[in-house]
Amino acid sequence: MPTFQAIKLILDRLVLGKTAYLQDTHGKTFCWNTRTSLLAASVEVASGNYRLIDPSLIGNDQGDKTFLVKALRDPAGVDGNDQMPFEGNINGEYATVSELQTIIQWIDSNCPE
């Protein structure tokens, strides 16, 4: 079962070199330094405010419906805001299928520490 640390490593890899950009676009408090901060993280964009992991989707096989997964997986992202990380990471890469499955499994397993 994946742990928070495994999820943090995936997310850190995806935004390598773009931390300042993330905070400029999503707010200075946007981060996933801890499990608590990731579970509380939300993104404000022109089309609305999105909590990355809605608590109602945790632990009930609905991890694939979270905005975090949709943003990382879907070409249109959430509400047409493009797949994240925007333009891929520093190497132009998006999350792999394996990384997405790890994130979904973590959410489906109640987001263990």
PDB file of N, CA and C in Angstrom:
ATOM      1  N   MET A   1       0.846  -1.176   0.000  1.00  0.00           N
ATOM      2  CA  MET A   1       0.000   0.000   0.000  1.00  0.00           C
ATOM      3  C   MET A   1       0.893   1.242   0.000  1.00  0.00           C
ATOM      4  N   PRO A   2       0.626   2.191  -0.912  1.00  0.00           N
ATOM      5  CA  PRO A   2       1.445   3.393  -0.960  1.00  0.00           C
ATOM      6  C   PRO A   2       1.259   4.262   0.283  1.00  0.00           C
ATOM      7  N   THR A   3       2.292   4.986   0.614  1.00  0.00           N
ATOM      8  CA  THR A   3       2.254   5.919   1.742  1.00  0.00           C
ATOM      9  C   THR A   3       2.285   7.350   1.206  1.00  0.00           C
ATOM     10  N   PHE A   4       2.060   8.298   2.100  1.00  0.00           N
ATOM     11  CA  PHE A   4       2.130   9.697   1.710  1.00  0.00           C
ATOM     12  C   PHE A   4       3.484  10.019   1.073  1.00  0.00           C
ATOM     13  N   GLN A   5       4.552   9.473   1.635  1.00  0.00           N
ATOM     14  CA  GLN A   5       5.891   9.773   1.115  1.00  0.00           C
ATOM     15  C   GLN A   5       6.018   9.378  -0.359  1.00  0.00           C
ATOM     16  N   ALA A   6       5.430   8.261  -0.747  1.00  0.00           N
ATOM     17  CA  ALA A   6       5.460   7.839  -2.152  1.00  0.00           C
ATOM     18  C   ALA A   6       4.710   8.838  -3.032  1.00  0.00           C
ATOM     19  N   ILE A   7       3.593   9.346  -2.532  1.00  0.00           N
ATOM     20  CA  ILE A   7       2.803  10.316  -3.282  1.00  0.00           C
ATOM     21  C   ILE A   7       3.567  11.631  -3.400  1.00  0.00           C
ATOM     22  N   LYS A   8       4.183  12.047  -2.317  1.00  0.00           N
ATOM     23  CA  LYS A   8       4.972  13.280  -2.324  1.00  0.00           C
ATOM     24  C   LYS A   8       6.109  13.186  -3.346  1.00  0.00           C
ATOM     25  N   LEU A   9       6.774  12.052  -3.412  1.00  0.00           N
ATOM     26  CA  LEU A   9       7.857  11.875  -4.381  1.00  0.00           C
ATOM     27  C   LEU A   9       7.357  12.008  -5.825  1.00  0.00           C
ATOM     28  N   ILE A  10       6.187  11.444  -6.093  1.00  0.00           N
ATOM     29  CA  ILE A  10       5.608  11.558  -7.439  1.00  0.00           C
ATOM     30  C   ILE A  10       5.309  13.021  -7.751  1.00  0.00           C
ATOM     31  N   LEU A  11       4.611  13.690  -6.846  1.00  0.00           N
ATOM     32  CA  LEU A  11       4.238  15.084  -7.090  1.00  0.00           C
ATOM     33  C   LEU A  11       5.464  15.982  -7.198  1.00  0.00           C
ATOM     34  N   ASP A  12       6.461  15.744  -6.350  1.00  0.00           N
ATOM     35  CA  ASP A  12       7.702  16.524  -6.419  1.00  0.00           C
ATOM     36  C   ASP A  12       8.394  16.337  -7.768  1.00  0.00           C
ATOM     37  N   ARG A  13       8.409  15.116  -8.273  1.00  0.00           N
ATOM     38  CA  ARG A  13       9.027  14.855  -9.579  1.00  0.00           C
ATOM     39  C   ARG A  13       8.302  15.610 -10.680  1.00  0.00           C
ATOM     40  N   LEU A  14       6.998  15.652 -10.596  1.00  0.00           N
ATOM     41  CA  LEU A  14       6.208  16.282 -11.646  1.00  0.00           C
ATOM     42  C   LEU A  14       6.386  17.790 -11.719  1.00  0.00           C
ATOM     43  N   VAL A  15       6.726  18.423 -10.611  1.00  0.00           N
ATOM     44  CA  VAL A  15       6.868  19.888 -10.608  1.00  0.00           C
ATOM     45  C   VAL A  15       8.314  20.328 -10.425  1.00  0.00           C
ATOM     46  N   LEU A  16       9.215  19.427 -10.647  1.00  0.00           N
ATOM     47  CA  LEU A  16      10.629  19.734 -10.504  1.00  0.00           C
ATOM     48  C   LEU A  16      10.967  21.068 -11.169  1.00  0.00           C
ATOM     49  N   GLY A  17      11.437  22.002 -10.359  1.00  0.00           N
ATOM     50  CA  GLY A  17      11.828  23.296 -10.881  1.00  0.00           C
ATOM     51  C   GLY A  17      10.698  24.289 -11.074  1.00  0.00           C
ATOM     52  N   LYS A  18       9.467  23.927 -10.709  1.00  0.00           N
ATOM     53  CA  LYS A  18       8.333  24.821 -10.935  1.00  0.00           C
ATOM     54  C   LYS A  18       7.581  25.179  -9.652  1.00  0.00           C
ATOM     55  N   THR A  19       8.212  25.007  -8.508  1.00  0.00           N
ATOM     56  CA  THR A  19       7.530  25.279  -7.245  1.00  0.00           C
ATOM     57  C   THR A  19       7.081  26.733  -7.161  1.00  0.00           C
ATOM     58  N   ALA A  20       7.935  27.673  -7.536  1.00  0.00           N
ATOM     59  CA  ALA A  20       7.574  29.096  -7.480  1.00  0.00           C
ATOM     60  C   ALA A  20       6.387  29.375  -8.407  1.00  0.00           C
ATOM     61  N   TYR A  21       6.392  28.772  -9.586  1.00  0.00           N
ATOM     62  CA  TYR A  21       5.285  28.946 -10.531  1.00  0.00           C
ATOM     63  C   TYR A  21       3.977  28.459  -9.903  1.00  0.00           C
ATOM     64  N   LEU A  22       4.018  27.294  -9.256  1.00  0.00           N
ATOM     65  CA  LEU A  22       2.814  26.750  -8.617  1.00  0.00           C
ATOM     66  C   LEU A  22       2.265  27.704  -7.574  1.00  0.00           C
ATOM     67  N   GLN A  23       3.125  28.246  -6.749  1.00  0.00           N
ATOM     68  CA  GLN A  23       2.663  29.149  -5.703  1.00  0.00           C
ATOM     69  C   GLN A  23       2.184  30.476  -6.275  1.00  0.00           C
ATOM     70  N   ASP A  24       2.785  30.919  -7.364  1.00  0.00           N
ATOM     71  CA  ASP A  24       2.308  32.138  -8.022  1.00  0.00           C
ATOM     72  C   ASP A  24       0.919  31.945  -8.609  1.00  0.00           C
ATOM     73  N   THR A  25       0.662  30.772  -9.169  1.00  0.00           N
ATOM     74  CA  THR A  25      -0.623  30.532  -9.828  1.00  0.00           C
ATOM     75  C   THR A  25      -1.700  29.993  -8.899  1.00  0.00           C
ATOM     76  N   HIS A  26      -1.312  29.252  -7.850  1.00  0.00           N
ATOM     77  CA  HIS A  26      -2.307  28.613  -6.983  1.00  0.00           C
ATOM     78  C   HIS A  26      -2.327  29.162  -5.565  1.00  0.00           C
ATOM     79  N   GLY A  27      -1.452  30.101  -5.246  1.00  0.00           N
ATOM     80  CA  GLY A  27      -1.433  30.698  -3.914  1.00  0.00           C
ATOM     81  C   GLY A  27      -0.207  30.283  -3.122  1.00  0.00           C
ATOM     82  N   LYS A  28       0.274  31.188  -2.301  1.00  0.00           N
ATOM     83  CA  LYS A  28       1.515  30.973  -1.546  1.00  0.00           C
ATOM     84  C   LYS A  28       1.435  29.793  -0.584  1.00  0.00           C
ATOM     85  N   THR A  29       0.236  29.419  -0.166  1.00  0.00           N
ATOM     86  CA  THR A  29       0.105  28.301   0.770  1.00  0.00           C
ATOM     87  C   THR A  29      -0.096  26.959   0.065  1.00  0.00           C
ATOM     88  N   PHE A  30      -0.168  26.965  -1.263  1.00  0.00           N
ATOM     89  CA  PHE A  30      -0.368  25.718  -2.010  1.00  0.00           C
ATOM     90  C   PHE A  30       0.884  24.852  -1.894  1.00  0.00           C
ATOM     91  N   CYS A  31       0.715  23.677  -1.307  1.00  0.00           N
ATOM     92  CA  CYS A  31       1.852  22.765  -1.163  1.00  0.00           C
ATOM     93  C   CYS A  31       1.357  21.376  -0.766  1.00  0.00           C
ATOM     94  N   TRP A  32       2.282  20.455  -0.732  1.00  0.00           N
ATOM     95  CA  TRP A  32       2.012  19.093  -0.255  1.00  0.00           C
ATOM     96  C   TRP A  32       3.192  18.613   0.568  1.00  0.00           C
ATOM     97  N   ASN A  33       3.714  19.492   1.403  1.00  0.00           N
ATOM     98  CA  ASN A  33       4.864  19.140   2.250  1.00  0.00           C
ATOM     99  C   ASN A  33       4.519  18.079   3.280  1.00  0.00           C
ATOM    100  N   THR A  34       3.258  18.040   3.677  1.00  0.00           N
ATOM    101  CA  THR A  34       2.784  17.049   4.641  1.00  0.00           C
ATOM    102  C   THR A  34       1.498  16.433   4.108  1.00  0.00           C
ATOM    103  N   ARG A  35       1.122  15.319   4.680  1.00  0.00           N
ATOM    104  CA  ARG A  35      -0.142  14.675   4.317  1.00  0.00           C
ATOM    105  C   ARG A  35      -1.294  15.651   4.552  1.00  0.00           C
ATOM    106  N   THR A  36      -1.250  16.339   5.686  1.00  0.00           N
ATOM    107  CA  THR A  36      -2.303  17.293   6.036  1.00  0.00           C
ATOM    108  C   THR A  36      -2.401  18.414   5.006  1.00  0.00           C
ATOM    109  N   SER A  37      -1.246  18.948   4.574  1.00  0.00           N
ATOM    110  CA  SER A  37      -1.293  20.045   3.603  1.00  0.00           C
ATOM    111  C   SER A  37      -1.811  19.562   2.249  1.00  0.00           C
ATOM    112  N   LEU A  38      -1.469  18.351   1.848  1.00  0.00           N
ATOM    113  CA  LEU A  38      -1.986  17.825   0.585  1.00  0.00           C
ATOM    114  C   LEU A  38      -3.489  17.606   0.672  1.00  0.00           C
ATOM    115  N   LEU A  39      -3.959  17.046   1.767  1.00  0.00           N
ATOM    116  CA  LEU A  39      -5.394  16.788   1.907  1.00  0.00           C
ATOM    117  C   LEU A  39      -6.199  18.082   1.991  1.00  0.00           C
ATOM    118  N   ALA A  40      -5.565  19.180   2.396  1.00  0.00           N
ATOM    119  CA  ALA A  40      -6.246  20.475   2.488  1.00  0.00           C
ATOM    120  C   ALA A  40      -6.054  21.332   1.240  1.00  0.00           C
ATOM    121  N   ALA A  41      -5.166  20.928   0.337  1.00  0.00           N
ATOM    122  CA  ALA A  41      -4.804  21.757  -0.810  1.00  0.00           C
ATOM    123  C   ALA A  41      -5.982  21.989  -1.749  1.00  0.00           C
ATOM    124  N   SER A  42      -6.111  23.232  -2.164  1.00  0.00           N
ATOM    125  CA  SER A  42      -7.106  23.569  -3.165  1.00  0.00           C
ATOM    126  C   SER A  42      -6.462  24.532  -4.158  1.00  0.00           C
ATOM    127  N   VAL A  43      -7.038  24.558  -5.330  1.00  0.00           N
ATOM    128  CA  VAL A  43      -6.523  25.370  -6.425  1.00  0.00           C
ATOM    129  C   VAL A  43      -7.612  26.349  -6.827  1.00  0.00           C
ATOM    130  N   GLU A  44      -7.261  27.608  -6.916  1.00  0.00           N
ATOM    131  CA  GLU A  44      -8.210  28.606  -7.383  1.00  0.00           C
ATOM    132  C   GLU A  44      -7.844  28.998  -8.807  1.00  0.00           C
ATOM    133  N   VAL A  45      -8.771  28.779  -9.703  1.00  0.00           N
ATOM    134  CA  VAL A  45      -8.600  29.153 -11.106  1.00  0.00           C
ATOM    135  C   VAL A  45      -9.829  29.951 -11.529  1.00  0.00           C
ATOM    136  N   ALA A  46      -9.784  30.507 -12.714  1.00  0.00           N
ATOM    137  CA  ALA A  46     -10.880  31.361 -13.173  1.00  0.00           C
ATOM    138  C   ALA A  46     -12.237  30.664 -13.104  1.00  0.00           C
ATOM    139  N   SER A  47     -12.258  29.354 -13.359  1.00  0.00           N
ATOM    140  CA  SER A  47     -13.537  28.631 -13.384  1.00  0.00           C
ATOM    141  C   SER A  47     -14.004  28.149 -12.015  1.00  0.00           C
ATOM    142  N   GLY A  48     -13.207  28.378 -10.968  1.00  0.00           N
ATOM    143  CA  GLY A  48     -13.650  27.988  -9.636  1.00  0.00           C
ATOM    144  C   GLY A  48     -12.514  27.594  -8.712  1.00  0.00           C
ATOM    145  N   ASN A  49     -12.883  27.150  -7.525  1.00  0.00           N
ATOM    146  CA  ASN A  49     -11.930  26.705  -6.518  1.00  0.00           C
ATOM    147  C   ASN A  49     -12.092  25.196  -6.369  1.00  0.00           C
ATOM    148  N   TYR A  50     -10.990  24.458  -6.512  1.00  0.00           N
ATOM    149  CA  TYR A  50     -11.045  23.011  -6.501  1.00  0.00           C
ATOM    150  C   TYR A  50     -10.179  22.438  -5.399  1.00  0.00           C
ATOM    151  N   ARG A  51     -10.779  21.662  -4.535  1.00  0.00           N
ATOM    152  CA  ARG A  51     -10.009  20.926  -3.540  1.00  0.00           C
ATOM    153  C   ARG A  51      -9.419  19.714  -4.249  1.00  0.00           C
ATOM    154  N   LEU A  52      -8.107  19.539  -4.157  1.00  0.00           N
ATOM    155  CA  LEU A  52      -7.451  18.464  -4.901  1.00  0.00           C
ATOM    156  C   LEU A  52      -8.012  17.092  -4.559  1.00  0.00           C
ATOM    157  N   ILE A  53      -8.265  16.870  -3.278  1.00  0.00           N
ATOM    158  CA  ILE A  53      -8.794  15.563  -2.851  1.00  0.00           C
ATOM    159  C   ILE A  53     -10.016  15.810  -1.972  1.00  0.00           C
ATOM    160  N   ASP A  54     -11.188  15.675  -2.550  1.00  0.00           N
ATOM    161  CA  ASP A  54     -12.433  15.846  -1.809  1.00  0.00           C
ATOM    162  C   ASP A  54     -12.527  14.739  -0.763  1.00  0.00           C
ATOM    163  N   PRO A  55     -12.702  15.091   0.512  1.00  0.00           N
ATOM    164  CA  PRO A  55     -12.769  14.068   1.561  1.00  0.00           C
ATOM    165  C   PRO A  55     -13.829  12.991   1.311  1.00  0.00           C
ATOM    166  N   SER A  56     -14.900  13.342   0.621  1.00  0.00           N
ATOM    167  CA  SER A  56     -15.964  12.355   0.376  1.00  0.00           C
ATOM    168  C   SER A  56     -15.533  11.272  -0.616  1.00  0.00           C
ATOM    169  N   LEU A  57     -14.410  11.471  -1.296  1.00  0.00           N
ATOM    170  CA  LEU A  57     -13.937  10.489  -2.275  1.00  0.00           C
ATOM    171  C   LEU A  57     -12.812   9.608  -1.722  1.00  0.00           C
ATOM    172  N   ILE A  58     -12.444   9.809  -0.475  1.00  0.00           N
ATOM    173  CA  ILE A  58     -11.351   9.054   0.139  1.00  0.00           C
ATOM    174  C   ILE A  58     -11.872   7.740   0.720  1.00  0.00           C
ATOM    175  N   GLY A  59     -11.181   6.652   0.397  1.00  0.00           N
ATOM    176  CA  GLY A  59     -11.455   5.366   1.020  1.00  0.00           C
ATOM    177  C   GLY A  59     -12.633   4.601   0.478  1.00  0.00           C
ATOM    178  N   ASN A  60     -13.190   5.032  -0.645  1.00  0.00           N
ATOM    179  CA  ASN A  60     -14.355   4.322  -1.174  1.00  0.00           C
ATOM    180  C   ASN A  60     -14.249   4.055  -2.679  1.00  0.00           C
ATOM    181  N   ASP A  61     -13.031   3.758  -3.130  1.00  0.00           N
ATOM    182  CA  ASP A  61     -12.775   3.416  -4.535  1.00  0.00           C
ATOM    183  C   ASP A  61     -13.220   4.502  -5.507  1.00  0.00           C
ATOM    184  N   GLN A  62     -13.067   5.753  -5.093  1.00  0.00           N
ATOM    185  CA  GLN A  62     -13.391   6.866  -5.969  1.00  0.00           C
ATOM    186  C   GLN A  62     -12.204   7.808  -6.154  1.00  0.00           C
ATOM    187  N   GLY A  63     -11.004   7.326  -5.856  1.00  0.00           N
ATOM    188  CA  GLY A  63      -9.809   8.149  -6.003  1.00  0.00           C
ATOM    189  C   GLY A  63      -9.619   8.681  -7.407  1.00  0.00           C
ATOM    190  N   ASP A  64     -10.099   7.929  -8.396  1.00  0.00           N
ATOM    191  CA  ASP A  64      -9.959   8.370  -9.787  1.00  0.00           C
ATOM    192  C   ASP A  64     -10.865   9.543 -10.121  1.00  0.00           C
ATOM    193  N   LYS A  65     -11.787   9.888  -9.222  1.00  0.00           N
ATOM    194  CA  LYS A  65     -12.704  11.007  -9.442  1.00  0.00           C
ATOM    195  C   LYS A  65     -12.213  12.300  -8.788  1.00  0.00           C
ATOM    196  N   THR A  66     -11.104  12.245  -8.069  1.00  0.00           N
ATOM    197  CA  THR A  66     -10.593  13.447  -7.414  1.00  0.00           C
ATOM    198  C   THR A  66     -10.046  14.428  -8.440  1.00  0.00           C
ATOM    199  N   PHE A  67     -10.068  15.703  -8.093  1.00  0.00           N
ATOM    200  CA  PHE A  67      -9.516  16.712  -8.991  1.00  0.00           C
ATOM    201  C   PHE A  67      -8.014  16.525  -9.165  1.00  0.00           C
ATOM    202  N   LEU A  68      -7.327  16.001  -8.157  1.00  0.00           N
ATOM    203  CA  LEU A  68      -5.899  15.736  -8.299  1.00  0.00           C
ATOM    204  C   LEU A  68      -5.652  14.770  -9.456  1.00  0.00           C
ATOM    205  N   VAL A  69      -6.358  13.667  -9.460  1.00  0.00           N
ATOM    206  CA  VAL A  69      -6.169  12.660 -10.514  1.00  0.00           C
ATOM    207  C   VAL A  69      -6.639  13.195 -11.861  1.00  0.00           C
ATOM    208  N   LYS A  70      -7.787  13.843 -11.900  1.00  0.00           N
ATOM    209  CA  LYS A  70      -8.284  14.395 -13.163  1.00  0.00           C
ATOM    210  C   LYS A  70      -7.286  15.397 -13.744  1.00  0.00           C
ATOM    211  N   ALA A  71      -6.731  16.248 -12.896  1.00  0.00           N
ATOM    212  CA  ALA A  71      -5.782  17.264 -13.368  1.00  0.00           C
ATOM    213  C   ALA A  71      -4.511  16.629 -13.911  1.00  0.00           C
ATOM    214  N   LEU A  72      -4.066  15.545 -13.292  1.00  0.00           N
ATOM    215  CA  LEU A  72      -2.830  14.887 -13.719  1.00  0.00           C
ATOM    216  C   LEU A  72      -3.030  13.946 -14.909  1.00  0.00           C
ATOM    217  N   ARG A  73      -4.246  13.441 -15.080  1.00  0.00           N
ATOM    218  CA  ARG A  73      -4.504  12.394 -16.080  1.00  0.00           C
ATOM    219  C   ARG A  73      -5.159  12.907 -17.357  1.00  0.00           C
ATOM    220  N   ASP A  74      -6.131  13.775 -17.225  1.00  0.00           N
ATOM    221  CA  ASP A  74      -6.973  14.135 -18.361  1.00  0.00           C
ATOM    222  C   ASP A  74      -6.351  15.261 -19.197  1.00  0.00           C
ATOM    223  N   PRO A  75      -6.306  15.103 -20.523  1.00  0.00           N
ATOM    224  CA  PRO A  75      -5.718  16.145 -21.379  1.00  0.00           C
ATOM    225  C   PRO A  75      -6.332  17.532 -21.163  1.00  0.00           C
ATOM    226  N   ALA A  76      -7.634  17.591 -20.893  1.00  0.00           N
ATOM    227  CA  ALA A  76      -8.279  18.886 -20.657  1.00  0.00           C
ATOM    228  C   ALA A  76      -8.175  19.314 -19.198  1.00  0.00           C
ATOM    229  N   GLY A  77      -7.620  18.454 -18.350  1.00  0.00           N
ATOM    230  CA  GLY A  77      -7.513  18.785 -16.933  1.00  0.00           C
ATOM    231  C   GLY A  77      -8.881  18.894 -16.292  1.00  0.00           C
ATOM    232  N   VAL A  78      -9.050  19.866 -15.428  1.00  0.00           N
ATOM    233  CA  VAL A  78     -10.324  20.116 -14.759  1.00  0.00           C
ATOM    234  C   VAL A  78     -10.927  21.375 -15.373  1.00  0.00           C
ATOM    235  N   ASP A  79     -12.122  21.259 -15.891  1.00  0.00           N
ATOM    236  CA  ASP A  79     -12.825  22.385 -16.521  1.00  0.00           C
ATOM    237  C   ASP A  79     -12.009  23.080 -17.603  1.00  0.00           C
ATOM    238  N   GLY A  80     -11.272  22.305 -18.383  1.00  0.00           N
ATOM    239  CA  GLY A  80     -10.527  22.867 -19.500  1.00  0.00           C
ATOM    240  C   GLY A  80      -9.279  23.642 -19.115  1.00  0.00           C
ATOM    241  N   ASN A  81      -8.760  23.408 -17.918  1.00  0.00           N
ATOM    242  CA  ASN A  81      -7.567  24.126 -17.466  1.00  0.00           C
ATOM    243  C   ASN A  81      -6.267  23.405 -17.824  1.00  0.00           C
ATOM    244  N   ASP A  82      -6.335  22.465 -18.724  1.00  0.00           N
ATOM    245  CA  ASP A  82      -5.183  21.721 -19.233  1.00  0.00           C
ATOM    246  C   ASP A  82      -4.629  20.722 -18.220  1.00  0.00           C
ATOM    247  N   GLN A  83      -4.026  19.707 -18.767  1.00  0.00           N
ATOM    248  CA  GLN A  83      -3.404  18.648 -17.963  1.00  0.00           C
ATOM    249  C   GLN A  83      -2.242  19.243 -17.169  1.00  0.00           C
ATOM    250  N   MET A  84      -2.118  18.779 -15.950  1.00  0.00           N
ATOM    251  CA  MET A  84      -1.050  19.246 -15.070  1.00  0.00           C
ATOM    252  C   MET A  84       0.034  18.189 -14.966  1.00  0.00           C
ATOM    253  N   PRO A  85       1.233  18.545 -14.681  1.00  0.00           N
ATOM    254  CA  PRO A  85       1.651  19.934 -14.537  1.00  0.00           C
ATOM    255  C   PRO A  85       1.644  20.618 -15.888  1.00  0.00           C
ATOM    256  N   PHE A  86       1.232  21.889 -15.905  1.00  0.00           N
ATOM    257  CA  PHE A  86       1.102  22.644 -17.143  1.00  0.00           C
ATOM    258  C   PHE A  86       2.362  22.497 -17.976  1.00  0.00           C
ATOM    259  N   GLU A  87       2.189  22.045 -19.207  1.00  0.00           N
ATOM    260  CA  GLU A  87       3.282  21.785 -20.146  1.00  0.00           C
ATOM    261  C   GLU A  87       4.248  20.715 -19.649  1.00  0.00           C
ATOM    262  N   GLY A  88       3.781  19.826 -18.771  1.00  0.00           N
ATOM    263  CA  GLY A  88       4.647  18.765 -18.261  1.00  0.00           C
ATOM    264  C   GLY A  88       5.674  19.319 -17.290  1.00  0.00           C
ATOM    265  N   ASN A  89       6.487  18.442 -16.737  1.00  0.00           N
ATOM    266  CA  ASN A  89       7.504  18.918 -15.806  1.00  0.00           C
ATOM    267  C   ASN A  89       8.694  19.467 -16.570  1.00  0.00           C
ATOM    268  N   ILE A  90       9.758  19.710 -15.885  1.00  0.00           N
ATOM    269  CA  ILE A  90      10.935  20.314 -16.517  1.00  0.00           C
ATOM    270  C   ILE A  90      11.446  19.483 -17.695  1.00  0.00           C
ATOM    271  N   ASN A  91      11.142  18.192 -17.701  1.00  0.00           N
ATOM    272  CA  ASN A  91      11.525  17.312 -18.809  1.00  0.00           C
ATOM    273  C   ASN A  91      10.375  17.106 -19.794  1.00  0.00           C
ATOM    274  N   GLY A  92       9.274  17.839 -19.619  1.00  0.00           N
ATOM    275  CA  GLY A  92       8.137  17.715 -20.510  1.00  0.00           C
ATOM    276  C   GLY A  92       7.304  16.481 -20.258  1.00  0.00           C
ATOM    277  N   GLU A  93       7.417  15.878 -19.079  1.00  0.00           N
ATOM    278  CA  GLU A  93       6.708  14.633 -18.778  1.00  0.00           C
ATOM    279  C   GLU A  93       5.508  14.889 -17.869  1.00  0.00           C
ATOM    280  N   TYR A  94       4.492  14.085 -18.097  1.00  0.00           N
ATOM    281  CA  TYR A  94       3.326  14.071 -17.219  1.00  0.00           C
ATOM    282  C   TYR A  94       3.404  12.824 -16.350  1.00  0.00           C
ATOM    283  N   ALA A  95       2.451  12.670 -15.450  1.00  0.00           N
ATOM    284  CA  ALA A  95       2.394  11.478 -14.607  1.00  0.00           C
ATOM    285  C   ALA A  95       2.234  10.233 -15.477  1.00  0.00           C
ATOM    286  N   THR A  96       2.932   9.179 -15.097  1.00  0.00           N
ATOM    287  CA  THR A  96       2.807   7.913 -15.819  1.00  0.00           C
ATOM    288  C   THR A  96       1.546   7.188 -15.353  1.00  0.00           C
ATOM    289  N   VAL A  97       1.147   6.189 -16.106  1.00  0.00           N
ATOM    290  CA  VAL A  97      -0.002   5.370 -15.715  1.00  0.00           C
ATOM    291  C   VAL A  97       0.261   4.739 -14.351  1.00  0.00           C
ATOM    292  N   SER A  98       1.461   4.264 -14.137  1.00  0.00           N
ATOM    293  CA  SER A  98       1.824   3.649 -12.859  1.00  0.00           C
ATOM    294  C   SER A  98       1.737   4.658 -11.712  1.00  0.00           C
ATOM    295  N   GLU A  99       2.214   5.868 -11.936  1.00  0.00           N
ATOM    296  CA  GLU A  99       2.138   6.900 -10.888  1.00  0.00           C
ATOM    297  C   GLU A  99       0.690   7.259 -10.584  1.00  0.00           C
ATOM    298  N   LEU A 100      -0.131   7.357 -11.612  1.00  0.00           N
ATOM    299  CA  LEU A 100      -1.546   7.658 -11.399  1.00  0.00           C
ATOM    300  C   LEU A 100      -2.222   6.542 -10.608  1.00  0.00           C
ATOM    301  N   GLN A 101      -1.901   5.293 -10.937  1.00  0.00           N
ATOM    302  CA  GLN A 101      -2.477   4.166 -10.195  1.00  0.00           C
ATOM    303  C   GLN A 101      -2.032   4.193  -8.726  1.00  0.00           C
ATOM    304  N   THR A 102      -0.795   4.578  -8.490  1.00  0.00           N
ATOM    305  CA  THR A 102      -0.296   4.675  -7.110  1.00  0.00           C
ATOM    306  C   THR A 102      -1.069   5.741  -6.339  1.00  0.00           C
ATOM    307  N   ILE A 103      -1.290   6.892  -6.959  1.00  0.00           N
ATOM    308  CA  ILE A 103      -2.043   7.967  -6.304  1.00  0.00           C
ATOM    309  C   ILE A 103      -3.475   7.514  -6.029  1.00  0.00           C
ATOM    310  N   ILE A 104      -4.110   6.887  -7.012  1.00  0.00           N
ATOM    311  CA  ILE A 104      -5.488   6.404  -6.835  1.00  0.00           C
ATOM    312  C   ILE A 104      -5.547   5.368  -5.717  1.00  0.00           C
ATOM    313  N   GLN A 105      -4.616   4.439  -5.706  1.00  0.00           N
ATOM    314  CA  GLN A 105      -4.593   3.419  -4.658  1.00  0.00           C
ATOM    315  C   GLN A 105      -4.414   4.047  -3.283  1.00  0.00           C
ATOM    316  N   TRP A 106      -3.566   5.060  -3.188  1.00  0.00           N
ATOM    317  CA  TRP A 106      -3.355   5.759  -1.901  1.00  0.00           C
ATOM    318  C   TRP A 106      -4.654   6.396  -1.422  1.00  0.00           C
ATOM    319  N   ILE A 107      -5.354   7.079  -2.321  1.00  0.00           N
ATOM    320  CA  ILE A 107      -6.618   7.727  -1.954  1.00  0.00           C
ATOM    321  C   ILE A 107      -7.663   6.672  -1.576  1.00  0.00           C
ATOM    322  N   ASP A 108      -7.738   5.611  -2.370  1.00  0.00           N
ATOM    323  CA  ASP A 108      -8.705   4.544  -2.092  1.00  0.00           C
ATOM    324  C   ASP A 108      -8.415   3.815  -0.784  1.00  0.00           C
ATOM    325  N   SER A 109      -7.161   3.897  -0.322  1.00  0.00           N
ATOM    326  CA  SER A 109      -6.754   3.226   0.927  1.00  0.00           C
ATOM    327  C   SER A 109      -6.777   4.179   2.125  1.00  0.00           C
ATOM    328  N   ASN A 110      -7.545   5.243   2.028  1.00  0.00           N
ATOM    329  CA  ASN A 110      -7.697   6.227   3.110  1.00  0.00           C
ATOM    330  C   ASN A 110      -6.466   7.097   3.323  1.00  0.00           C
ATOM    331  N   CYS A 111      -5.652   7.278   2.303  1.00  0.00           N
ATOM    332  CA  CYS A 111      -4.507   8.198   2.346  1.00  0.00           C
ATOM    333  C   CYS A 111      -3.585   7.956   3.551  1.00  0.00           C
ATOM    334  N   PRO A 112      -3.033   6.750   3.664  1.00  0.00           N
ATOM    335  CA  PRO A 112      -2.200   6.458   4.843  1.00  0.00           C
ATOM    336  C   PRO A 112      -0.933   7.314   4.901  1.00  0.00           C
ATOM    337  N   GLU A 113      -0.532   7.594   6.118  1.00  0.00           N
ATOM    338  CA  GLU A 113       0.686   8.357   6.359  1.00  0.00           C
ATOM    339  C   GLU A 113       1.868   7.546   5.865  1.00  0.00           C
TER     340      GLU A 113
END
